[in-house]
């Protein structure tokens, strides 16, 4: 008789509460993602007039980003307020790091490419996110292959930068980055939707990194390789 005495109303209510919790988590994540993009835009805007100084200090800026990403965000996990400071410090610095590329494009008379690349990234990112959320396929097994591919792309980029200086290889790597982080966007978005993250800050960082790499790669593709002069 126990089977027929179950409180199915309670089960339905629990399911609705869980779904509402996930929706609220996703909402907070995307709000933080939008705020992170704004922080990056502020970082780029404020330091664009000092592009030469940014180039001179690009390595300290880069290592500061890594320190916040791998240590600051980890140490501040579970500490409301401090984790937001780390999030916005990281995204602000990534905006500063974009200044040399933005300066090159503006100097080439291709400032419009920046807006076009952002729009394309937003549309692509949104489409991939919607696909990941609504898809019935399970992408949880993609983690290790994507990480291995990322290492290969990084090594190829360094080798080309140091030894080959090949424009064609750089083009291939840039296209590879777009494809790779498109897949990362699907993987990370589904993980967030499935409750794999404990904090919206951590979830927003993952999505922001995906968006940033897509945007940077599209900037390079549209700006540098789109030069027909």
C-alpha atoms as a PDB file:
ATOM      1  CA  UNK A   1       0.000   0.000   0.000  1.00  0.00           C
ATOM      2  CA  UNK A   2       2.981   2.297   0.517  1.00  0.00           C
ATOM      3  CA  UNK A   3       3.230   2.764  -3.245  1.00  0.00           C
ATOM      4  CA  UNK A   4      -0.256   4.262  -3.350  1.00  0.00           C
ATOM      5  CA  UNK A   5       0.298   6.373  -0.250  1.00  0.00           C
ATOM      6  CA  UNK A   6       3.198   8.391  -1.675  1.00  0.00           C
ATOM      7  CA  UNK A   7       2.764  12.155  -1.654  1.00  0.00           C
ATOM      8  CA  UNK A   8       3.130  12.889  -5.345  1.00  0.00           C
ATOM      9  CA  UNK A   9       2.159  16.518  -4.778  1.00  0.00           C
ATOM     10  CA  UNK A  10       5.240  16.945  -2.594  1.00  0.00           C
ATOM     11  CA  UNK A  11       7.424  15.341  -5.300  1.00  0.00           C
ATOM     12  CA  UNK A  12       6.049  17.720  -7.910  1.00  0.00           C
ATOM     13  CA  UNK A  13       6.614  20.689  -5.604  1.00  0.00           C
ATOM     14  CA  UNK A  14      10.193  19.557  -4.947  1.00  0.00           C
ATOM     15  CA  UNK A  15      10.784  19.265  -8.682  1.00  0.00           C
ATOM     16  CA  UNK A  16       9.403  22.730  -9.295  1.00  0.00           C
ATOM     17  CA  UNK A  17      11.526  24.163  -6.496  1.00  0.00           C
ATOM     18  CA  UNK A  18      14.641  22.546  -7.965  1.00  0.00           C
ATOM     19  CA  UNK A  19      13.844  23.890 -11.414  1.00  0.00           C
ATOM     20  CA  UNK A  20      13.204  27.367 -10.016  1.00  0.00           C
ATOM     21  CA  UNK A  21      16.531  27.194  -8.175  1.00  0.00           C
ATOM     22  CA  UNK A  22      18.350  26.286 -11.378  1.00  0.00           C
ATOM     23  CA  UNK A  23      16.657  29.080 -13.299  1.00  0.00           C
ATOM     24  CA  UNK A  24      17.644  31.578 -10.598  1.00  0.00           C
ATOM     25  CA  UNK A  25      21.234  30.278 -10.662  1.00  0.00           C
ATOM     26  CA  UNK A  26      21.396  30.686 -14.446  1.00  0.00           C
ATOM     27  CA  UNK A  27      19.914  34.180 -14.164  1.00  0.00           C
ATOM     28  CA  UNK A  28      22.546  35.259 -11.642  1.00  0.00           C
ATOM     29  CA  UNK A  29      25.288  33.686 -13.768  1.00  0.00           C
ATOM     30  CA  UNK A  30      24.317  35.614 -16.890  1.00  0.00           C
ATOM     31  CA  UNK A  31      23.897  38.827 -14.905  1.00  0.00           C
ATOM     32  CA  UNK A  32      27.458  38.419 -13.629  1.00  0.00           C
ATOM     33  CA  UNK A  33      28.609  37.585 -17.157  1.00  0.00           C
ATOM     34  CA  UNK A  34      27.114  40.831 -18.451  1.00  0.00           C
ATOM     35  CA  UNK A  35      28.704  42.774 -15.589  1.00  0.00           C
ATOM     36  CA  UNK A  36      32.040  41.098 -16.348  1.00  0.00           C
ATOM     37  CA  UNK A  37      31.859  42.226 -19.967  1.00  0.00           C
ATOM     38  CA  UNK A  38      31.160  45.758 -18.763  1.00  0.00           C
ATOM     39  CA  UNK A  39      34.193  45.620 -16.457  1.00  0.00           C
ATOM     40  CA  UNK A  40      36.359  44.445 -19.364  1.00  0.00           C
ATOM     41  CA  UNK A  41      35.017  47.229 -21.582  1.00  0.00           C
ATOM     42  CA  UNK A  42      35.845  49.792 -18.879  1.00  0.00           C
ATOM     43  CA  UNK A  43      39.359  48.358 -18.564  1.00  0.00           C
ATOM     44  CA  UNK A  44      39.929  48.616 -22.309  1.00  0.00           C
ATOM     45  CA  UNK A  45      38.400  52.091 -22.575  1.00  0.00           C
ATOM     46  CA  UNK A  46      40.392  53.596 -19.706  1.00  0.00           C
ATOM     47  CA  UNK A  47      43.753  52.210 -20.843  1.00  0.00           C
ATOM     48  CA  UNK A  48      43.392  52.537 -24.628  1.00  0.00           C
ATOM     49  CA  UNK A  49      45.107  55.965 -24.612  1.00  0.00           C
ATOM     50  CA  UNK A  50      48.063  54.279 -22.891  1.00  0.00           C
ATOM     51  CA  UNK A  51      48.454  51.403 -25.358  1.00  0.00           C
ATOM     52  CA  UNK A  52      52.256  51.676 -25.464  1.00  0.00           C
ATOM     53  CA  UNK A  53      52.462  51.352 -21.679  1.00  0.00           C
ATOM     54  CA  UNK A  54      50.142  48.340 -21.794  1.00  0.00           C
ATOM     55  CA  UNK A  55      52.413  46.712 -24.368  1.00  0.00           C
ATOM     56  CA  UNK A  56      55.455  47.433 -22.180  1.00  0.00           C
ATOM     57  CA  UNK A  57      53.789  45.852 -19.137  1.00  0.00           C
ATOM     58  CA  UNK A  58      51.867  43.138 -20.964  1.00  0.00           C
ATOM     59  CA  UNK A  59      53.621  40.272 -19.165  1.00  0.00           C
ATOM     60  CA  UNK A  60      53.035  41.589 -15.620  1.00  0.00           C
ATOM     61  CA  UNK A  61      49.398  42.194 -16.601  1.00  0.00           C
ATOM     62  CA  UNK A  62      49.126  38.677 -18.016  1.00  0.00           C
ATOM     63  CA  UNK A  63      50.620  37.073 -14.900  1.00  0.00           C
ATOM     64  CA  UNK A  64      48.325  39.189 -12.705  1.00  0.00           C
ATOM     65  CA  UNK A  65      45.366  37.741 -14.645  1.00  0.00           C
ATOM     66  CA  UNK A  66      46.653  34.201 -14.095  1.00  0.00           C
ATOM     67  CA  UNK A  67      47.231  34.850 -10.396  1.00  0.00           C
ATOM     68  CA  UNK A  68      43.657  36.036  -9.922  1.00  0.00           C
ATOM     69  CA  UNK A  69      42.223  33.243 -12.073  1.00  0.00           C
ATOM     70  CA  UNK A  70      44.070  30.362 -10.418  1.00  0.00           C
ATOM     71  CA  UNK A  71      44.584  31.686  -6.898  1.00  0.00           C
ATOM     72  CA  UNK A  72      42.460  34.760  -6.182  1.00  0.00           C
ATOM     73  CA  UNK A  73      39.187  33.272  -7.344  1.00  0.00           C
ATOM     74  CA  UNK A  74      39.956  29.979  -5.625  1.00  0.00           C
ATOM     75  CA  UNK A  75      40.861  31.563  -2.291  1.00  0.00           C
ATOM     76  CA  UNK A  76      37.801  33.831  -2.413  1.00  0.00           C
ATOM     77  CA  UNK A  77      35.393  30.996  -3.210  1.00  0.00           C
ATOM     78  CA  UNK A  78      32.530  30.996  -0.742  1.00  0.00           C
ATOM     79  CA  UNK A  79      33.355  34.524   0.431  1.00  0.00           C
ATOM     80  CA  UNK A  80      30.610  36.840  -0.872  1.00  0.00           C
ATOM     81  CA  UNK A  81      31.914  40.239  -1.836  1.00  0.00           C
ATOM     82  CA  UNK A  82      35.551  39.191  -2.098  1.00  0.00           C
ATOM     83  CA  UNK A  83      34.774  36.731  -4.907  1.00  0.00           C
ATOM     84  CA  UNK A  84      33.041  39.539  -6.820  1.00  0.00           C
ATOM     85  CA  UNK A  85      36.097  41.765  -6.371  1.00  0.00           C
ATOM     86  CA  UNK A  86      38.276  39.003  -7.810  1.00  0.00           C
ATOM     87  CA  UNK A  87      35.863  38.416 -10.688  1.00  0.00           C
ATOM     88  CA  UNK A  88      35.783  42.054 -11.739  1.00  0.00           C
ATOM     89  CA  UNK A  89      39.524  42.527 -11.179  1.00  0.00           C
ATOM     90  CA  UNK A  90      40.160  39.599 -13.519  1.00  0.00           C
ATOM     91  CA  UNK A  91      37.757  40.762 -16.207  1.00  0.00           C
ATOM     92  CA  UNK A  92      39.010  44.366 -15.944  1.00  0.00           C
ATOM     93  CA  UNK A  93      42.574  43.141 -16.584  1.00  0.00           C
ATOM     94  CA  UNK A  94      41.464  41.049 -19.564  1.00  0.00           C
ATOM     95  CA  UNK A  95      40.018  44.224 -21.050  1.00  0.00           C
ATOM     96  CA  UNK A  96      43.363  45.940 -20.522  1.00  0.00           C
ATOM     97  CA  UNK A  97      45.102  43.012 -22.233  1.00  0.00           C
ATOM     98  CA  UNK A  98      42.969  43.558 -25.332  1.00  0.00           C
ATOM     99  CA  UNK A  99      44.235  47.128 -25.735  1.00  0.00           C
ATOM    100  CA  UNK A 100      47.249  46.288 -27.978  1.00  0.00           C
ATOM    101  CA  UNK A 101      45.024  44.400 -30.440  1.00  0.00           C
ATOM    102  CA  UNK A 102      42.356  47.091 -30.323  1.00  0.00           C
ATOM    103  CA  UNK A 103      45.006  49.742 -30.882  1.00  0.00           C
ATOM    104  CA  UNK A 104      46.339  47.929 -33.958  1.00  0.00           C
ATOM    105  CA  UNK A 105      42.865  47.662 -35.458  1.00  0.00           C
ATOM    106  CA  UNK A 106      42.058  51.299 -34.781  1.00  0.00           C
ATOM    107  CA  UNK A 107      45.429  52.323 -36.205  1.00  0.00           C
ATOM    108  CA  UNK A 108      44.626  50.373 -39.378  1.00  0.00           C
ATOM    109  CA  UNK A 109      41.354  52.272 -39.689  1.00  0.00           C
ATOM    110  CA  UNK A 110      39.369  49.178 -38.751  1.00  0.00           C
ATOM    111  CA  UNK A 111      37.693  50.340 -35.569  1.00  0.00           C
ATOM    112  CA  UNK A 112      34.332  49.175 -36.934  1.00  0.00           C
ATOM    113  CA  UNK A 113      35.653  45.604 -36.835  1.00  0.00           C
ATOM    114  CA  UNK A 114      35.549  45.727 -33.031  1.00  0.00           C
ATOM    115  CA  UNK A 115      31.792  46.254 -32.954  1.00  0.00           C
ATOM    116  CA  UNK A 116      31.230  43.693 -35.695  1.00  0.00           C
ATOM    117  CA  UNK A 117      33.310  41.088 -33.876  1.00  0.00           C
ATOM    118  CA  UNK A 118      31.433  41.700 -30.624  1.00  0.00           C
ATOM    119  CA  UNK A 119      28.071  41.374 -32.356  1.00  0.00           C
ATOM    120  CA  UNK A 120      29.122  38.163 -34.093  1.00  0.00           C
ATOM    121  CA  UNK A 121      30.459  36.761 -30.831  1.00  0.00           C
ATOM    122  CA  UNK A 122      27.259  37.628 -28.978  1.00  0.00           C
ATOM    123  CA  UNK A 123      25.078  35.975 -31.629  1.00  0.00           C
ATOM    124  CA  UNK A 124      27.276  32.858 -31.810  1.00  0.00           C
ATOM    125  CA  UNK A 125      27.586  32.598 -28.035  1.00  0.00           C
ATOM    126  CA  UNK A 126      23.837  33.035 -27.545  1.00  0.00           C
ATOM    127  CA  UNK A 127      22.987  30.424 -30.160  1.00  0.00           C
ATOM    128  CA  UNK A 128      25.429  27.908 -28.685  1.00  0.00           C
ATOM    129  CA  UNK A 129      24.134  28.539 -25.158  1.00  0.00           C
ATOM    130  CA  UNK A 130      20.514  28.016 -26.207  1.00  0.00           C
ATOM    131  CA  UNK A 131      21.499  24.827 -28.008  1.00  0.00           C
ATOM    132  CA  UNK A 132      23.304  23.513 -24.929  1.00  0.00           C
ATOM    133  CA  UNK A 133      20.404  24.312 -22.591  1.00  0.00           C
ATOM    134  CA  UNK A 134      17.725  22.777 -24.821  1.00  0.00           C
ATOM    135  CA  UNK A 135      19.659  19.805 -26.189  1.00  0.00           C
ATOM    136  CA  UNK A 136      18.853  16.339 -24.903  1.00  0.00           C
ATOM    137  CA  UNK A 137      22.391  15.165 -25.660  1.00  0.00           C
ATOM    138  CA  UNK A 138      24.891  14.744 -22.842  1.00  0.00           C
ATOM    139  CA  UNK A 139      28.114  16.711 -23.393  1.00  0.00           C
ATOM    140  CA  UNK A 140      29.670  15.957 -20.000  1.00  0.00           C
ATOM    141  CA  UNK A 141      32.273  13.643 -21.580  1.00  0.00           C
ATOM    142  CA  UNK A 142      33.734  16.492 -23.644  1.00  0.00           C
ATOM    143  CA  UNK A 143      35.843  17.876 -20.809  1.00  0.00           C
ATOM    144  CA  UNK A 144      39.044  15.888 -21.209  1.00  0.00           C
ATOM    145  CA  UNK A 145      39.194  15.987 -25.058  1.00  0.00           C
ATOM    146  CA  UNK A 146      38.561  19.744 -25.026  1.00  0.00           C
ATOM    147  CA  UNK A 147      41.287  20.317 -22.450  1.00  0.00           C
ATOM    148  CA  UNK A 148      43.787  18.226 -24.450  1.00  0.00           C
ATOM    149  CA  UNK A 149      42.881  20.145 -27.605  1.00  0.00           C
ATOM    150  CA  UNK A 150      43.382  23.423 -25.742  1.00  0.00           C
ATOM    151  CA  UNK A 151      46.904  22.373 -24.728  1.00  0.00           C
ATOM    152  CA  UNK A 152      47.678  21.456 -28.353  1.00  0.00           C
ATOM    153  CA  UNK A 153      46.411  24.848 -29.571  1.00  0.00           C
ATOM    154  CA  UNK A 154      48.508  26.695 -26.975  1.00  0.00           C
ATOM    155  CA  UNK A 155      51.650  24.740 -27.892  1.00  0.00           C
ATOM    156  CA  UNK A 156      51.035  25.306 -31.620  1.00  0.00           C
ATOM    157  CA  UNK A 157      50.583  29.050 -30.998  1.00  0.00           C
ATOM    158  CA  UNK A 158      53.842  29.302 -29.049  1.00  0.00           C
ATOM    159  CA  UNK A 159      55.769  27.267 -31.630  1.00  0.00           C
ATOM    160  CA  UNK A 160      54.457  29.420 -34.468  1.00  0.00           C
ATOM    161  CA  UNK A 161      55.239  32.617 -32.545  1.00  0.00           C
ATOM    162  CA  UNK A 162      58.799  31.568 -31.732  1.00  0.00           C
ATOM    163  CA  UNK A 163      59.885  29.582 -34.793  1.00  0.00           C
ATOM    164  CA  UNK A 164      57.666  29.740 -37.878  1.00  0.00           C
ATOM    165  CA  UNK A 165      55.943  33.147 -37.917  1.00  0.00           C
ATOM    166  CA  UNK A 166      53.540  31.626 -40.440  1.00  0.00           C
ATOM    167  CA  UNK A 167      50.462  33.650 -41.351  1.00  0.00           C
ATOM    168  CA  UNK A 168      48.695  30.557 -42.677  1.00  0.00           C
ATOM    169  CA  UNK A 169      49.394  28.609 -39.492  1.00  0.00           C
ATOM    170  CA  UNK A 170      48.211  31.575 -37.447  1.00  0.00           C
ATOM    171  CA  UNK A 171      45.012  31.634 -39.493  1.00  0.00           C
ATOM    172  CA  UNK A 172      44.497  27.906 -38.911  1.00  0.00           C
ATOM    173  CA  UNK A 173      45.087  28.335 -35.174  1.00  0.00           C
ATOM    174  CA  UNK A 174      42.643  31.252 -34.997  1.00  0.00           C
ATOM    175  CA  UNK A 175      39.916  29.227 -36.728  1.00  0.00           C
ATOM    176  CA  UNK A 176      40.741  26.333 -34.406  1.00  0.00           C
ATOM    177  CA  UNK A 177      40.295  28.603 -31.371  1.00  0.00           C
ATOM    178  CA  UNK A 178      36.860  29.663 -32.612  1.00  0.00           C
ATOM    179  CA  UNK A 179      35.791  26.041 -33.061  1.00  0.00           C
ATOM    180  CA  UNK A 180      37.323  24.957 -29.742  1.00  0.00           C
ATOM    181  CA  UNK A 181      35.681  27.634 -27.630  1.00  0.00           C
ATOM    182  CA  UNK A 182      32.388  27.145 -29.428  1.00  0.00           C
ATOM    183  CA  UNK A 183      32.484  23.586 -28.096  1.00  0.00           C
ATOM    184  CA  UNK A 184      33.627  24.831 -24.685  1.00  0.00           C
ATOM    185  CA  UNK A 185      30.601  27.151 -24.626  1.00  0.00           C
ATOM    186  CA  UNK A 186      28.262  24.199 -25.183  1.00  0.00           C
ATOM    187  CA  UNK A 187      30.077  22.103 -22.578  1.00  0.00           C
ATOM    188  CA  UNK A 188      30.224  24.804 -19.899  1.00  0.00           C
ATOM    189  CA  UNK A 189      26.659  25.999 -20.451  1.00  0.00           C
ATOM    190  CA  UNK A 190      25.223  22.518 -20.058  1.00  0.00           C
ATOM    191  CA  UNK A 191      27.321  21.931 -16.940  1.00  0.00           C
ATOM    192  CA  UNK A 192      25.916  25.120 -15.428  1.00  0.00           C
ATOM    193  CA  UNK A 193      22.360  24.153 -16.351  1.00  0.00           C
ATOM    194  CA  UNK A 194      22.906  20.726 -14.780  1.00  0.00           C
ATOM    195  CA  UNK A 195      24.115  22.206 -11.483  1.00  0.00           C
ATOM    196  CA  UNK A 196      27.816  21.399 -11.805  1.00  0.00           C
ATOM    197  CA  UNK A 197      28.848  24.743 -10.268  1.00  0.00           C
ATOM    198  CA  UNK A 198      28.388  25.769  -6.647  1.00  0.00           C
ATOM    199  CA  UNK A 199      28.680  29.505  -7.265  1.00  0.00           C
ATOM    200  CA  UNK A 200      27.345  31.799 -10.001  1.00  0.00           C
ATOM    201  CA  UNK A 201      30.721  33.578  -9.863  1.00  0.00           C
ATOM    202  CA  UNK A 202      32.585  30.413 -10.871  1.00  0.00           C
ATOM    203  CA  UNK A 203      30.006  29.723 -13.574  1.00  0.00           C
ATOM    204  CA  UNK A 204      30.297  33.271 -14.913  1.00  0.00           C
ATOM    205  CA  UNK A 205      34.094  32.993 -15.061  1.00  0.00           C
ATOM    206  CA  UNK A 206      33.848  29.865 -17.223  1.00  0.00           C
ATOM    207  CA  UNK A 207      31.420  31.479 -19.652  1.00  0.00           C
ATOM    208  CA  UNK A 208      33.379  34.733 -19.703  1.00  0.00           C
ATOM    209  CA  UNK A 209      36.578  32.923 -20.702  1.00  0.00           C
ATOM    210  CA  UNK A 210      34.686  31.207 -23.530  1.00  0.00           C
ATOM    211  CA  UNK A 211      33.221  34.502 -24.724  1.00  0.00           C
ATOM    212  CA  UNK A 212      36.551  36.333 -24.443  1.00  0.00           C
ATOM    213  CA  UNK A 213      38.431  33.775 -26.519  1.00  0.00           C
ATOM    214  CA  UNK A 214      35.725  33.717 -29.182  1.00  0.00           C
ATOM    215  CA  UNK A 215      35.741  37.515 -29.332  1.00  0.00           C
ATOM    216  CA  UNK A 216      39.532  37.771 -29.508  1.00  0.00           C
ATOM    217  CA  UNK A 217      39.779  35.134 -32.235  1.00  0.00           C
ATOM    218  CA  UNK A 218      37.057  36.812 -34.297  1.00  0.00           C
ATOM    219  CA  UNK A 219      38.799  40.176 -33.849  1.00  0.00           C
ATOM    220  CA  UNK A 220      41.979  38.698 -35.259  1.00  0.00           C
ATOM    221  CA  UNK A 221      40.170  36.912 -38.052  1.00  0.00           C
ATOM    222  CA  UNK A 222      38.126  39.934 -39.158  1.00  0.00           C
ATOM    223  CA  UNK A 223      40.802  42.516 -38.516  1.00  0.00           C
ATOM    224  CA  UNK A 224      44.154  41.065 -39.402  1.00  0.00           C
ATOM    225  CA  UNK A 225      43.187  38.527 -42.041  1.00  0.00           C
ATOM    226  CA  UNK A 226      40.470  40.676 -43.488  1.00  0.00           C
ATOM    227  CA  UNK A 227      42.964  43.203 -44.767  1.00  0.00           C
ATOM    228  CA  UNK A 228      42.651  43.360 -48.524  1.00  0.00           C
ATOM    229  CA  UNK A 229      44.976  46.327 -49.008  1.00  0.00           C
END
